[in-house]
């Protein structure tokens, strides 16, 4: 275990100064993705039973849980179908609007990771050329090796941060789409049943 830690520290130190921004960026990426996925799992409405929704829409007083709260709010003391649309749009915006903002933030962070690694590649190559330029010195090989090492390690680190991040981001986007589809189904079912009750289109 000690040897592994020493190897990691050695590789990390060989990456140069840009390894610190990459570490901060990695922490931000995965904290943001974790926050998004936890929120989506806590509000996983798409797994609920649509048949149960229909019963609760017909009898809002019997509705239970988070889905029940949504259905009750959508119909409580409404005076027109437009009221129902407005309330469901409000609920959708609370969830989907927040998620879209966080997903965009995560996407920007993930896209920044390989670019930061590329910046490390440039600085590493500059160090390499600097070593070649001072070829008369005795430490030329060390300077060239250090520059190449920095160039490769930062690029690799940026990709290692970005690739799993893109995978998790795609999972989060799929779950977000499922939530959006849930709100669309609920809106359609609610409006159909409210219309049957004789609620006017608008005041």
Protein backbone atom coordinates (compact mmCIF):
# COMPACT_ATOMS: atom_id res chain seq x y z
CA UNK A 1 0.00 0.00 0.00
CA UNK A 2 2.83 2.39 0.87
CA UNK A 3 4.51 1.68 -2.47
CA UNK A 4 1.29 2.46 -4.34
CA UNK A 5 0.88 5.76 -2.50
CA UNK A 6 4.49 6.69 -3.23
CA UNK A 7 3.99 5.89 -6.92
CA UNK A 8 0.84 8.02 -7.07
CA UNK A 9 2.62 10.92 -5.39
CA UNK A 10 5.54 10.54 -7.78
CA UNK A 11 3.27 10.59 -10.84
CA UNK A 12 1.31 13.51 -9.39
CA UNK A 13 4.44 15.60 -8.78
CA UNK A 14 5.67 14.82 -12.30
CA UNK A 15 2.53 16.43 -13.74
CA UNK A 16 3.58 19.93 -12.78
CA UNK A 17 1.62 22.86 -11.38
CA UNK A 18 -1.50 22.16 -13.44
CA UNK A 19 -2.22 19.01 -11.44
CA UNK A 20 -3.63 21.19 -8.64
CA UNK A 21 -6.26 22.88 -10.87
CA UNK A 22 -7.08 19.46 -12.31
CA UNK A 23 -7.62 18.07 -8.82
CA UNK A 24 -9.96 20.96 -7.93
CA UNK A 25 -11.77 20.54 -11.25
CA UNK A 26 -12.18 16.81 -10.67
CA UNK A 27 -13.65 17.41 -7.21
CA UNK A 28 -16.14 19.93 -8.65
CA UNK A 29 -17.13 17.61 -11.51
CA UNK A 30 -17.89 14.60 -9.38
CA UNK A 31 -19.49 16.53 -6.55
CA UNK A 32 -21.86 18.18 -9.05
CA UNK A 33 -22.68 14.86 -10.73
CA UNK A 34 -23.20 13.19 -7.34
CA UNK A 35 -25.57 15.97 -6.31
CA UNK A 36 -27.56 15.63 -9.55
CA UNK A 37 -27.85 11.84 -9.36
CA UNK A 38 -28.86 11.90 -5.69
CA UNK A 39 -31.58 14.45 -6.48
CA UNK A 40 -32.85 12.37 -9.41
CA UNK A 41 -32.91 9.16 -7.36
CA UNK A 42 -34.74 10.93 -4.53
CA UNK A 43 -37.36 12.20 -7.02
CA UNK A 44 -37.62 9.12 -9.22
CA UNK A 45 -41.29 9.57 -10.14
CA UNK A 46 -41.09 7.62 -13.40
CA UNK A 47 -41.06 4.29 -11.55
CA UNK A 48 -44.48 4.93 -10.01
CA UNK A 49 -47.59 3.20 -11.37
CA UNK A 50 -49.57 5.18 -14.01
CA UNK A 51 -52.74 3.27 -13.07
CA UNK A 52 -52.33 4.55 -9.53
CA UNK A 53 -51.98 8.09 -10.88
CA UNK A 54 -55.33 7.74 -12.64
CA UNK A 55 -57.05 6.73 -9.41
CA UNK A 56 -55.43 9.56 -7.48
CA UNK A 57 -56.35 12.09 -10.17
CA UNK A 58 -59.97 10.99 -9.88
CA UNK A 59 -59.78 11.00 -6.07
CA UNK A 60 -57.06 13.52 -5.03
CA UNK A 61 -57.87 13.09 -1.34
CA UNK A 62 -56.55 9.51 -1.50
CA UNK A 63 -53.24 10.49 -3.12
CA UNK A 64 -50.09 9.63 -1.17
CA UNK A 65 -46.38 10.28 -1.36
CA UNK A 66 -44.53 12.80 -3.52
CA UNK A 67 -46.56 11.95 -6.63
CA UNK A 68 -49.74 12.31 -4.59
CA UNK A 69 -48.65 15.75 -3.42
CA UNK A 70 -48.11 16.81 -7.04
CA UNK A 71 -51.53 15.55 -8.11
CA UNK A 72 -53.27 17.16 -5.16
CA UNK A 73 -51.59 20.51 -5.77
CA UNK A 74 -52.50 20.36 -9.48
CA UNK A 75 -56.23 20.14 -8.66
CA UNK A 76 -56.66 21.87 -5.33
CA UNK A 77 -59.32 24.59 -5.67
CA UNK A 78 -58.68 25.06 -9.39
CA UNK A 79 -61.24 27.13 -11.27
CA UNK A 80 -60.19 26.34 -14.82
CA UNK A 81 -58.06 23.96 -16.85
CA UNK A 82 -55.57 26.78 -17.33
CA UNK A 83 -55.02 26.77 -13.56
CA UNK A 84 -54.11 23.08 -13.80
CA UNK A 85 -51.65 23.76 -16.65
CA UNK A 86 -50.06 26.63 -14.73
CA UNK A 87 -49.59 24.55 -11.58
CA UNK A 88 -48.11 21.59 -13.43
CA UNK A 89 -45.80 23.95 -15.35
CA UNK A 90 -44.70 25.44 -12.03
CA UNK A 91 -43.88 21.99 -10.64
CA UNK A 92 -42.04 21.03 -13.82
CA UNK A 93 -39.96 24.21 -13.72
CA UNK A 94 -39.02 23.65 -10.07
CA UNK A 95 -37.54 20.23 -10.89
CA UNK A 96 -36.48 20.37 -14.54
CA UNK A 97 -35.31 23.99 -14.43
CA UNK A 98 -32.98 23.28 -11.52
CA UNK A 99 -31.68 20.09 -13.13
CA UNK A 100 -31.02 21.74 -16.48
CA UNK A 101 -28.89 24.39 -14.78
CA UNK A 102 -26.86 21.81 -12.88
CA UNK A 103 -26.46 19.60 -15.96
CA UNK A 104 -25.18 22.55 -17.98
CA UNK A 105 -22.71 23.41 -15.20
CA UNK A 106 -21.48 19.79 -15.05
CA UNK A 107 -21.15 19.66 -18.84
CA UNK A 108 -19.00 22.80 -18.84
CA UNK A 109 -16.76 21.42 -16.08
CA UNK A 110 -16.31 18.09 -17.85
CA UNK A 111 -15.46 19.81 -21.12
CA UNK A 112 -12.87 21.92 -19.30
CA UNK A 113 -10.97 18.89 -17.96
CA UNK A 114 -9.35 17.71 -21.22
CA UNK A 115 -8.65 21.32 -22.22
CA UNK A 116 -6.80 21.85 -18.94
CA UNK A 117 -4.87 18.66 -19.65
CA UNK A 118 -4.05 20.01 -23.11
CA UNK A 119 -2.72 23.19 -21.51
CA UNK A 120 -0.44 20.95 -19.46
CA UNK A 121 0.71 19.33 -22.69
CA UNK A 122 1.68 22.74 -24.08
CA UNK A 123 3.59 23.75 -20.94
CA UNK A 124 5.30 20.35 -20.86
CA UNK A 125 6.40 20.68 -24.47
CA UNK A 126 7.72 24.18 -23.75
CA UNK A 127 9.82 22.68 -20.96
CA UNK A 128 11.04 20.03 -23.38
CA UNK A 129 12.07 22.60 -25.96
CA UNK A 130 13.72 24.61 -23.22
CA UNK A 131 15.80 21.57 -22.33
CA UNK A 132 16.76 21.03 -25.95
CA UNK A 133 17.71 24.69 -26.31
CA UNK A 134 20.15 24.38 -23.41
CA UNK A 135 21.69 21.19 -24.79
CA UNK A 136 25.13 22.22 -23.67
CA UNK A 137 24.12 21.79 -20.03
CA UNK A 138 24.55 18.49 -18.26
CA UNK A 139 20.91 18.21 -17.16
CA UNK A 140 19.43 18.30 -20.68
CA UNK A 141 18.09 14.74 -20.51
CA UNK A 142 16.39 15.40 -17.16
CA UNK A 143 14.76 18.58 -18.44
CA UNK A 144 13.51 16.89 -21.61
CA UNK A 145 12.23 13.86 -19.69
CA UNK A 146 10.50 16.10 -17.15
CA UNK A 147 8.81 18.13 -19.88
CA UNK A 148 7.56 15.04 -21.73
CA UNK A 149 6.35 13.53 -18.46
CA UNK A 150 4.42 16.68 -17.60
CA UNK A 151 2.92 16.81 -21.10
CA UNK A 152 1.67 13.20 -20.96
CA UNK A 153 0.50 13.07 -17.35
CA UNK A 154 -1.66 16.21 -17.48
CA UNK A 155 -3.29 15.10 -20.73
CA UNK A 156 -3.99 11.66 -19.31
CA UNK A 157 -5.38 13.12 -16.09
CA UNK A 158 -7.72 15.43 -18.01
CA UNK A 159 -9.06 12.50 -20.03
CA UNK A 160 -9.39 10.27 -16.96
CA UNK A 161 -11.51 12.97 -15.32
CA UNK A 162 -13.61 13.65 -18.41
CA UNK A 163 -14.48 10.18 -19.75
CA UNK A 164 -16.25 8.78 -16.63
CA UNK A 165 -17.78 12.23 -16.17
CA UNK A 166 -19.38 12.06 -19.62
CA UNK A 167 -20.75 8.60 -18.82
CA UNK A 168 -22.32 9.79 -15.57
CA UNK A 169 -23.61 12.92 -17.30
CA UNK A 170 -25.37 10.82 -19.94
CA UNK A 171 -27.00 8.74 -17.20
CA UNK A 172 -28.16 11.91 -15.43
CA UNK A 173 -29.56 13.34 -18.69
CA UNK A 174 -31.47 10.11 -19.35
CA UNK A 175 -32.99 10.21 -15.87
CA UNK A 176 -33.86 13.87 -16.34
CA UNK A 177 -35.62 13.03 -19.63
CA UNK A 178 -37.59 10.32 -17.81
CA UNK A 179 -38.68 12.85 -15.20
CA UNK A 180 -39.74 15.27 -17.93
CA UNK A 181 -41.74 12.49 -19.62
CA UNK A 182 -43.40 11.75 -16.28
CA UNK A 183 -44.60 15.36 -15.95
CA UNK A 184 -45.91 15.29 -19.53
CA UNK A 185 -47.92 12.10 -18.86
CA UNK A 186 -49.29 13.47 -15.61
CA UNK A 187 -50.35 16.69 -17.34
CA UNK A 188 -52.16 14.84 -20.12
CA UNK A 189 -53.95 12.48 -17.73
CA UNK A 190 -54.88 15.26 -15.32
CA UNK A 191 -56.26 17.55 -18.03
CA UNK A 192 -58.35 14.73 -19.53
CA UNK A 193 -59.91 13.84 -16.20
CA UNK A 194 -60.43 17.45 -15.13
CA UNK A 195 -62.14 18.14 -18.46
CA UNK A 196 -64.54 15.25 -17.81
CA UNK A 197 -65.45 16.85 -14.49
CA UNK A 198 -66.76 19.89 -16.41
CA UNK A 199 -64.06 22.35 -15.34
CA UNK A 200 -64.02 25.24 -17.87
CA UNK A 201 -61.05 25.87 -20.14
CA UNK A 202 -60.53 29.34 -18.68
CA UNK A 203 -62.36 31.97 -16.68
